[in-house]
């Protein structure tokens, strides 16, 4: 089943629920802001965001694991604030992975564990977890941009796709546009 993107309203609701869970809030915010695939998101280290001198990077370049294609990521103030709180609580060092188990250690959580975490969020919010997952984070901003501007090229850049056809298929654009047209022009 194709995963739906989280909407802005859903993300705002999740941020309230996750306010006291710094790792999960950072995961949500980074997943939304970076548009990275889960394996790339979980590979991020503190040094990707915070220099050894303590300066924060609002933007960073990342080479995607699946495609080897570079993509530029930009982090919001919400993401950076959550990140600072998480690394402060856990006393993470520069070379530590950002998304580690709350039980400690420096192994990143697995994509399977990330799926369980997102399933838990959905359960808390009474959303059907079959419709949402890691792709819901990745799709959120590109989908919102497409709905507002129909700018598929910008969505392609954010997702690091090679061509517009991949982006169109990933976001379900043709299907959505088809049904929108039917509703708008139907007899």
Protein backbone atom coordinates (compact mmCIF):
# COMPACT_ATOMS: atom_id res chain seq x y z
CA UNK A 1 0.00 0.00 0.00
CA UNK A 2 1.33 3.42 -0.96
CA UNK A 3 2.02 5.51 2.14
CA UNK A 4 0.29 8.87 2.43
CA UNK A 5 2.25 11.99 3.33
CA UNK A 6 1.75 13.60 6.71
CA UNK A 7 -0.10 16.90 6.33
CA UNK A 8 0.97 20.12 8.01
CA UNK A 9 -1.89 19.76 10.49
CA UNK A 10 -0.83 16.19 11.32
CA UNK A 11 2.78 17.28 11.84
CA UNK A 12 1.68 20.09 14.16
CA UNK A 13 -0.38 17.60 16.19
CA UNK A 14 2.53 15.16 16.37
CA UNK A 15 4.90 17.90 17.52
CA UNK A 16 2.63 18.59 20.49
CA UNK A 17 2.41 14.91 21.43
CA UNK A 18 6.18 14.37 21.03
CA UNK A 19 7.24 17.56 22.85
CA UNK A 20 8.52 15.55 25.84
CA UNK A 21 10.30 12.92 23.71
CA UNK A 22 13.37 14.64 22.28
CA UNK A 23 14.57 11.74 20.11
CA UNK A 24 11.17 11.19 18.52
CA UNK A 25 10.62 14.92 18.01
CA UNK A 26 14.03 15.22 16.35
CA UNK A 27 13.26 12.19 14.17
CA UNK A 28 9.93 13.71 13.11
CA UNK A 29 11.41 17.13 12.38
CA UNK A 30 14.49 15.83 10.56
CA UNK A 31 12.39 13.37 8.55
CA UNK A 32 10.10 16.18 7.42
CA UNK A 33 12.83 18.77 6.76
CA UNK A 34 15.45 16.63 5.04
CA UNK A 35 13.18 14.48 2.83
CA UNK A 36 15.77 11.71 3.22
CA UNK A 37 15.04 8.00 2.95
CA UNK A 38 14.98 6.27 6.33
CA UNK A 39 18.35 4.54 5.89
CA UNK A 40 19.98 7.90 5.11
CA UNK A 41 18.19 9.68 7.94
CA UNK A 42 19.34 7.06 10.43
CA UNK A 43 22.94 7.35 9.16
CA UNK A 44 23.23 11.01 10.19
CA UNK A 45 25.83 11.77 12.82
CA UNK A 46 26.03 14.71 15.21
CA UNK A 47 28.96 16.04 13.13
CA UNK A 48 26.66 16.32 10.12
CA UNK A 49 24.76 19.07 11.94
CA UNK A 50 27.12 20.38 14.61
CA UNK A 51 30.74 21.32 13.92
CA UNK A 52 33.52 20.45 16.34
CA UNK A 53 33.40 24.15 17.38
CA UNK A 54 29.73 23.84 18.31
CA UNK A 55 28.29 25.75 15.34
CA UNK A 56 25.08 24.40 13.83
CA UNK A 57 24.62 23.80 10.12
CA UNK A 58 21.18 24.80 8.85
CA UNK A 59 22.00 23.19 5.51
CA UNK A 60 24.13 20.20 4.62
CA UNK A 61 24.80 18.08 1.56
CA UNK A 62 24.16 14.34 1.70
CA UNK A 63 25.01 11.53 -0.70
CA UNK A 64 22.01 9.23 -0.82
CA UNK A 65 22.74 5.60 -0.06
CA UNK A 66 20.25 4.12 -2.51
CA UNK A 67 21.10 6.21 -5.57
CA UNK A 68 24.50 7.72 -4.74
CA UNK A 69 23.00 11.06 -5.82
CA UNK A 70 23.77 14.19 -3.81
CA UNK A 71 20.95 16.13 -2.18
CA UNK A 72 20.98 19.34 -0.16
CA UNK A 73 19.05 19.32 3.11
CA UNK A 74 17.84 22.32 5.06
CA UNK A 75 16.80 22.20 8.70
CA UNK A 76 14.18 24.41 10.33
CA UNK A 77 14.56 26.13 13.68
CA UNK A 78 12.21 23.46 15.11
CA UNK A 79 14.58 20.73 13.94
CA UNK A 80 17.68 22.44 15.29
CA UNK A 81 16.03 23.15 18.66
CA UNK A 82 14.89 19.51 19.01
CA UNK A 83 18.34 18.29 17.93
CA UNK A 84 20.11 20.45 20.54
CA UNK A 85 17.77 19.19 23.23
CA UNK A 86 18.29 15.55 22.19
CA UNK A 87 22.09 15.72 22.09
CA UNK A 88 22.12 17.62 25.40
CA UNK A 89 19.93 15.01 27.12
CA UNK A 90 22.02 12.13 25.76
CA UNK A 91 25.40 13.90 25.96
CA UNK A 92 26.22 12.83 22.40
CA UNK A 93 29.71 13.34 21.01
CA UNK A 94 30.55 14.69 17.56
CA UNK A 95 30.93 11.28 15.88
CA UNK A 96 27.86 9.71 17.50
CA UNK A 97 24.83 8.77 15.44
CA UNK A 98 21.92 11.13 16.06
CA UNK A 99 19.16 8.53 16.19
CA UNK A 100 20.16 5.91 18.72
CA UNK A 101 18.18 3.79 21.11
CA UNK A 102 16.88 5.53 24.21
CA UNK A 103 18.59 2.68 26.11
CA UNK A 104 22.01 4.06 25.16
CA UNK A 105 24.89 2.99 23.00
CA UNK A 106 26.02 4.45 19.71
CA UNK A 107 24.30 2.17 17.23
CA UNK A 108 21.68 3.88 15.07
CA UNK A 109 18.17 2.58 15.36
CA UNK A 110 17.18 0.25 12.52
CA UNK A 111 14.69 1.09 9.80
CA UNK A 112 12.48 -1.58 11.37
CA UNK A 113 12.64 0.23 14.72
CA UNK A 114 11.90 3.53 12.97
CA UNK A 115 8.79 1.92 11.49
CA UNK A 116 7.74 0.75 14.97
CA UNK A 117 8.23 4.27 16.33
CA UNK A 118 6.08 5.80 13.58
CA UNK A 119 3.46 3.07 14.07
CA UNK A 120 3.38 4.08 17.74
CA UNK A 121 2.80 7.72 16.82
CA UNK A 122 -0.06 6.70 14.55
CA UNK A 123 -1.60 4.58 17.28
CA UNK A 124 -1.41 7.49 19.74
CA UNK A 125 -3.09 9.77 17.22
CA UNK A 126 -5.70 7.14 16.21
CA UNK A 127 -4.45 7.15 12.61
CA UNK A 128 -4.43 3.95 10.58
CA UNK A 129 -0.77 2.92 10.59
CA UNK A 130 -1.26 1.06 7.30
CA UNK A 131 -1.45 4.44 5.56
CA UNK A 132 1.57 6.08 7.20
CA UNK A 133 5.25 5.30 7.65
CA UNK A 134 8.76 6.60 7.00
CA UNK A 135 7.71 7.63 3.50
CA UNK A 136 5.03 9.84 5.09
CA UNK A 137 7.85 11.92 6.58
CA UNK A 138 9.83 12.02 3.32
CA UNK A 139 6.79 12.98 1.23
CA UNK A 140 5.32 15.64 3.54
CA UNK A 141 7.01 18.79 2.23
CA UNK A 142 7.24 17.80 -1.47
CA UNK A 143 3.57 16.82 -1.46
CA UNK A 144 2.54 20.11 0.19
CA UNK A 145 4.66 22.06 -2.32
CA UNK A 146 3.11 20.20 -5.22
CA UNK A 147 -0.45 20.76 -3.98
CA UNK A 148 0.17 24.48 -3.54
CA UNK A 149 2.30 25.27 -6.60
CA UNK A 150 2.25 22.22 -8.93
CA UNK A 151 6.05 22.67 -9.02
CA UNK A 152 7.13 19.09 -9.61
CA UNK A 153 10.70 20.16 -10.46
CA UNK A 154 11.26 21.55 -6.95
CA UNK A 155 9.85 18.34 -5.48
CA UNK A 156 12.27 16.31 -7.62
CA UNK A 157 15.23 18.30 -6.27
CA UNK A 158 14.11 17.91 -2.65
CA UNK A 159 13.69 14.15 -3.04
CA UNK A 160 16.92 13.72 -5.01
CA UNK A 161 15.13 11.94 -7.84
CA UNK A 162 16.77 11.56 -11.24
CA UNK A 163 13.72 12.56 -13.26
CA UNK A 164 10.24 14.02 -12.97
CA UNK A 165 8.60 10.68 -13.78
CA UNK A 166 10.03 9.15 -10.60
CA UNK A 167 8.85 12.11 -8.55
CA UNK A 168 5.43 12.06 -10.15
CA UNK A 169 5.02 8.35 -9.44
CA UNK A 170 6.39 8.65 -5.88
CA UNK A 171 3.98 11.44 -4.97
CA UNK A 172 1.06 9.80 -6.80
CA UNK A 173 0.66 12.95 -8.88
CA UNK A 174 -0.97 11.54 -12.01
CA UNK A 175 -3.53 9.65 -9.99
CA UNK A 176 -4.35 12.62 -7.75
CA UNK A 177 -4.56 15.02 -10.69
CA UNK A 178 -6.79 12.63 -12.61
CA UNK A 179 -9.32 12.40 -9.79
CA UNK A 180 -9.14 16.15 -9.15
CA UNK A 181 -9.96 16.74 -12.81
CA UNK A 182 -12.85 14.29 -12.67
CA UNK A 183 -14.31 16.12 -9.67
CA UNK A 184 -13.73 19.53 -11.22
CA UNK A 185 -14.93 18.79 -14.74
CA UNK A 186 -17.24 15.83 -14.19
CA UNK A 187 -20.73 15.95 -15.69
